[in-house]
N, C-alpha and C. Protein backbone atom coordinates (compact mmCIF):
# COMPACT_ATOMS: atom_id res chain seq x y z
N MET A 1 -62.79 169.54 95.91
CA MET A 1 -62.15 170.61 95.54
C MET A 1 -62.01 170.50 93.89
N GLY A 2 -62.67 171.40 93.09
CA GLY A 2 -62.75 171.27 91.76
C GLY A 2 -61.36 172.10 91.13
N ILE A 3 -61.06 171.99 90.04
CA ILE A 3 -59.73 172.66 89.46
C ILE A 3 -60.06 174.18 89.38
N LEU A 4 -61.35 174.60 89.18
CA LEU A 4 -61.69 176.03 89.18
C LEU A 4 -61.36 176.64 90.47
N ASP A 5 -61.70 175.88 91.75
CA ASP A 5 -61.29 176.51 93.00
C ASP A 5 -59.66 176.68 93.06
N PHE A 6 -59.18 175.55 92.81
CA PHE A 6 -57.71 175.47 92.83
C PHE A 6 -57.08 176.88 92.16
N VAL A 7 -57.63 176.83 90.83
CA VAL A 7 -57.11 178.09 89.84
C VAL A 7 -57.36 179.58 90.72
N GLU A 8 -58.51 179.48 91.17
CA GLU A 8 -58.93 180.78 91.91
C GLU A 8 -58.05 181.08 93.02
N GLU A 9 -57.75 179.97 93.85
CA GLU A 9 -57.02 180.35 95.14
C GLU A 9 -55.42 180.53 94.62
N ALA A 10 -55.02 179.73 93.61
CA ALA A 10 -53.61 179.99 93.20
C ALA A 10 -53.48 181.55 92.80
N ALA A 11 -54.59 181.85 92.00
CA ALA A 11 -54.53 183.36 91.50
C ALA A 11 -54.45 184.30 92.68
N GLY A 12 -55.20 184.01 93.66
CA GLY A 12 -55.26 184.93 94.76
C GLY A 12 -53.97 185.05 95.55
N ALA A 13 -53.17 183.79 95.69
CA ALA A 13 -51.95 183.75 96.34
C ALA A 13 -50.68 184.58 95.36
N PHE A 14 -50.99 184.49 94.01
CA PHE A 14 -50.09 185.23 93.13
C PHE A 14 -50.54 186.50 93.32
N ALA A 15 -51.75 187.05 93.44
CA ALA A 15 -52.17 188.45 93.54
C ALA A 15 -51.48 188.90 94.88
N GLY A 16 -51.52 188.26 95.74
CA GLY A 16 -51.04 188.60 97.24
C GLY A 16 -49.55 189.04 97.18
N ASP A 17 -48.92 188.05 96.39
CA ASP A 17 -47.36 188.12 96.27
C ASP A 17 -47.09 189.36 95.51
N LYS A 18 -47.80 189.58 94.43
CA LYS A 18 -47.44 190.55 93.46
C LYS A 18 -47.85 192.03 94.04
N ALA A 19 -48.79 192.00 94.89
CA ALA A 19 -49.32 193.27 95.61
C ALA A 19 -48.09 193.65 96.78
N LEU A 20 -47.61 192.60 97.50
CA LEU A 20 -46.62 192.90 98.39
C LEU A 20 -45.27 193.28 97.70
N GLU A 21 -45.16 192.68 96.40
CA GLU A 21 -43.82 193.21 95.69
C GLU A 21 -44.04 194.59 95.33
N ALA A 22 -45.07 195.04 94.87
CA ALA A 22 -45.38 196.40 94.50
C ALA A 22 -45.14 197.44 95.54
N VAL A 23 -45.34 196.95 96.85
CA VAL A 23 -45.33 197.87 97.91
C VAL A 23 -43.89 197.97 98.56
N ASP A 24 -43.29 196.81 98.45
CA ASP A 24 -41.99 196.62 99.12
C ASP A 24 -41.15 195.53 98.27
N PRO A 25 -40.44 196.14 97.38
CA PRO A 25 -39.63 195.22 96.25
C PRO A 25 -38.53 194.41 97.15
N ASN A 26 -38.11 194.66 98.23
CA ASN A 26 -37.09 193.96 99.09
C ASN A 26 -37.81 193.17 100.12
N ALA A 27 -38.94 192.65 100.03
CA ALA A 27 -39.52 191.82 101.01
C ALA A 27 -38.93 190.61 101.27
N GLY A 28 -38.84 190.06 102.37
CA GLY A 28 -38.19 188.76 102.67
C GLY A 28 -39.14 187.62 102.32
N ILE A 29 -38.67 186.45 102.47
CA ILE A 29 -39.34 185.14 101.85
C ILE A 29 -40.68 185.12 102.84
N LEU A 30 -40.37 185.42 104.29
CA LEU A 30 -41.59 185.08 105.18
C LEU A 30 -42.61 186.09 104.90
N ALA A 31 -42.35 187.38 104.51
CA ALA A 31 -43.42 188.28 104.27
C ALA A 31 -43.91 187.95 102.92
N LYS A 32 -43.39 187.50 101.74
CA LYS A 32 -43.86 186.82 100.61
C LYS A 32 -44.91 185.72 100.90
N GLY A 33 -44.48 184.95 101.80
CA GLY A 33 -45.26 183.68 102.02
C GLY A 33 -46.53 184.08 102.75
N ALA A 34 -46.43 185.16 103.80
CA ALA A 34 -47.61 185.63 104.48
C ALA A 34 -48.59 186.23 103.58
N ALA A 35 -48.04 186.94 102.57
CA ALA A 35 -48.86 187.62 101.41
C ALA A 35 -49.61 186.64 100.71
N ALA A 36 -48.88 185.62 100.38
CA ALA A 36 -49.46 184.54 99.47
C ALA A 36 -50.62 183.73 100.10
N ILE A 37 -50.40 183.56 101.32
CA ILE A 37 -51.49 183.00 102.36
C ILE A 37 -52.71 183.75 102.43
N ALA A 38 -52.48 185.36 102.63
CA ALA A 38 -53.49 185.99 102.76
C ALA A 38 -54.21 186.22 101.42
N GLY A 39 -53.52 186.13 100.46
CA GLY A 39 -54.26 185.97 99.12
C GLY A 39 -55.26 184.85 98.92
N PHE A 40 -54.62 183.76 99.22
CA PHE A 40 -55.15 182.47 99.14
C PHE A 40 -56.44 182.45 99.85
N GLU A 41 -56.33 182.84 101.20
CA GLU A 41 -57.45 182.89 102.18
C GLU A 41 -58.54 184.03 101.70
N GLY A 42 -57.90 185.01 101.20
CA GLY A 42 -58.98 186.09 100.91
C GLY A 42 -59.88 185.76 99.74
N VAL A 43 -59.21 184.92 98.73
CA VAL A 43 -60.28 184.34 97.64
C VAL A 43 -61.41 183.63 98.32
N SER A 44 -61.27 182.73 99.20
CA SER A 44 -62.40 182.11 99.80
C SER A 44 -63.30 183.00 100.54
N LYS A 45 -62.83 183.97 101.21
CA LYS A 45 -63.63 185.08 102.10
C LYS A 45 -64.47 185.71 100.88
N LEU A 46 -63.88 186.12 100.04
CA LEU A 46 -64.70 186.97 98.79
C LEU A 46 -65.65 186.03 98.24
N LYS A 47 -65.39 184.80 98.05
CA LYS A 47 -66.44 183.87 97.35
C LYS A 47 -67.63 183.73 98.23
N GLU A 48 -67.32 183.73 99.58
CA GLU A 48 -68.46 183.63 100.55
C GLU A 48 -69.31 184.80 100.52
N VAL A 49 -68.73 186.08 100.36
CA VAL A 49 -69.45 187.39 100.48
C VAL A 49 -70.44 187.37 99.17
N LEU A 50 -69.64 187.13 98.10
CA LEU A 50 -70.20 187.50 96.66
C LEU A 50 -71.12 186.05 96.45
N GLY A 51 -70.95 184.98 96.87
CA GLY A 51 -71.57 183.90 96.41
C GLY A 51 -72.87 183.55 97.23
N GLY A 52 -73.24 184.34 98.35
CA GLY A 52 -74.38 184.15 99.00
C GLY A 52 -75.67 184.18 98.12
N SER A 53 -76.77 183.36 98.45
CA SER A 53 -77.91 183.19 97.78
C SER A 53 -78.51 184.37 98.14
N GLY A 54 -79.54 185.02 97.07
CA GLY A 54 -80.39 186.05 97.25
C GLY A 54 -81.51 185.91 98.21
N ASN A 55 -81.82 184.69 98.51
CA ASN A 55 -82.79 184.52 99.54
C ASN A 55 -82.27 184.71 101.04
N GLU A 56 -81.02 184.40 101.20
CA GLU A 56 -80.51 184.83 102.46
C GLU A 56 -80.39 186.16 102.60
N GLN A 57 -79.93 187.04 101.66
CA GLN A 57 -79.85 188.38 101.63
C GLN A 57 -81.16 189.11 101.83
N ALA A 58 -82.22 188.75 101.23
CA ALA A 58 -83.61 189.17 101.31
C ALA A 58 -83.95 189.09 102.58
N ALA A 59 -83.97 187.71 103.30
CA ALA A 59 -84.39 187.68 104.61
C ALA A 59 -83.53 188.49 105.64
N ALA A 60 -82.35 188.82 105.44
CA ALA A 60 -81.60 189.66 106.33
C ALA A 60 -82.13 191.13 106.15
N ASP A 61 -82.46 191.41 105.02
CA ASP A 61 -82.96 192.93 104.77
C ASP A 61 -84.08 193.27 105.40
N GLU A 62 -85.14 192.19 105.50
CA GLU A 62 -86.42 192.60 106.05
C GLU A 62 -86.37 192.52 107.46
N PRO A 63 -87.21 193.52 108.05
CA PRO A 63 -87.25 193.68 109.44
C PRO A 63 -88.12 192.47 110.04
N ASP A 64 -88.17 192.05 111.23
CA ASP A 64 -88.85 191.02 111.69
C ASP A 64 -90.08 191.84 112.35
N SER A 65 -91.31 191.70 112.00
CA SER A 65 -92.46 192.50 112.47
C SER A 65 -92.96 191.96 113.72
N GLY A 66 -92.59 190.63 114.12
CA GLY A 66 -93.09 190.11 115.35
C GLY A 66 -92.26 190.99 116.50
N LYS A 67 -91.01 191.07 116.11
CA LYS A 67 -90.07 191.74 117.20
C LYS A 67 -90.52 193.09 117.46
N MET A 68 -90.83 193.99 116.40
CA MET A 68 -91.35 195.37 116.51
C MET A 68 -92.59 195.55 117.25
N ALA A 69 -93.44 194.53 117.01
CA ALA A 69 -94.83 194.51 117.84
C ALA A 69 -94.42 194.36 119.39
N ASP A 70 -93.45 193.36 119.72
CA ASP A 70 -93.23 193.36 121.17
C ASP A 70 -92.46 194.46 121.70
N ALA A 71 -91.64 195.20 120.90
CA ALA A 71 -91.06 196.40 121.32
C ALA A 71 -92.14 197.53 121.78
N ASP A 72 -93.08 197.47 120.85
CA ASP A 72 -94.04 198.52 120.93
C ASP A 72 -94.95 198.38 122.12
N SER A 73 -95.40 197.01 122.42
CA SER A 73 -96.10 196.71 123.53
C SER A 73 -95.28 196.89 124.85
N ASP A 74 -94.15 196.70 124.88
CA ASP A 74 -93.40 196.94 125.98
C ASP A 74 -93.19 198.60 126.44
N GLN A 75 -93.28 199.37 125.40
CA GLN A 75 -93.27 200.69 125.46
C GLN A 75 -94.70 201.33 126.19
N SER A 76 -95.58 200.66 125.47
CA SER A 76 -97.05 201.11 125.86
C SER A 76 -97.26 200.54 127.54
N ASP A 77 -96.66 199.45 127.88
CA ASP A 77 -96.74 199.10 129.43
C ASP A 77 -96.03 199.92 130.41
N ASP A 78 -94.90 200.55 129.87
CA ASP A 78 -94.26 201.42 130.61
C ASP A 78 -94.78 202.78 130.89
N ASN A 79 -95.73 203.23 129.96
CA ASN A 79 -96.24 204.56 130.11
C ASN A 79 -97.51 204.39 130.91
N ALA A 80 -98.05 203.18 131.12
CA ALA A 80 -99.39 203.16 131.80
C ALA A 80 -99.17 203.09 133.27
């Protein structure tokens, strides 16, 4: 774990705490802890979504032509 990862996760925890404070200024310690944990975990999930390689996204966007051909042949068998 690099220092940049630690800084990002700490910033997420801080942002979660500040967001809760903006919504509920009288929040208890458990609520603040839960908000900090949610912010901490949210950073890692956001990094997964934004950090995916372009090849994986391009492969997910292209339809599989083999599956389409199988579906077409199944329909023609039903009509005969």
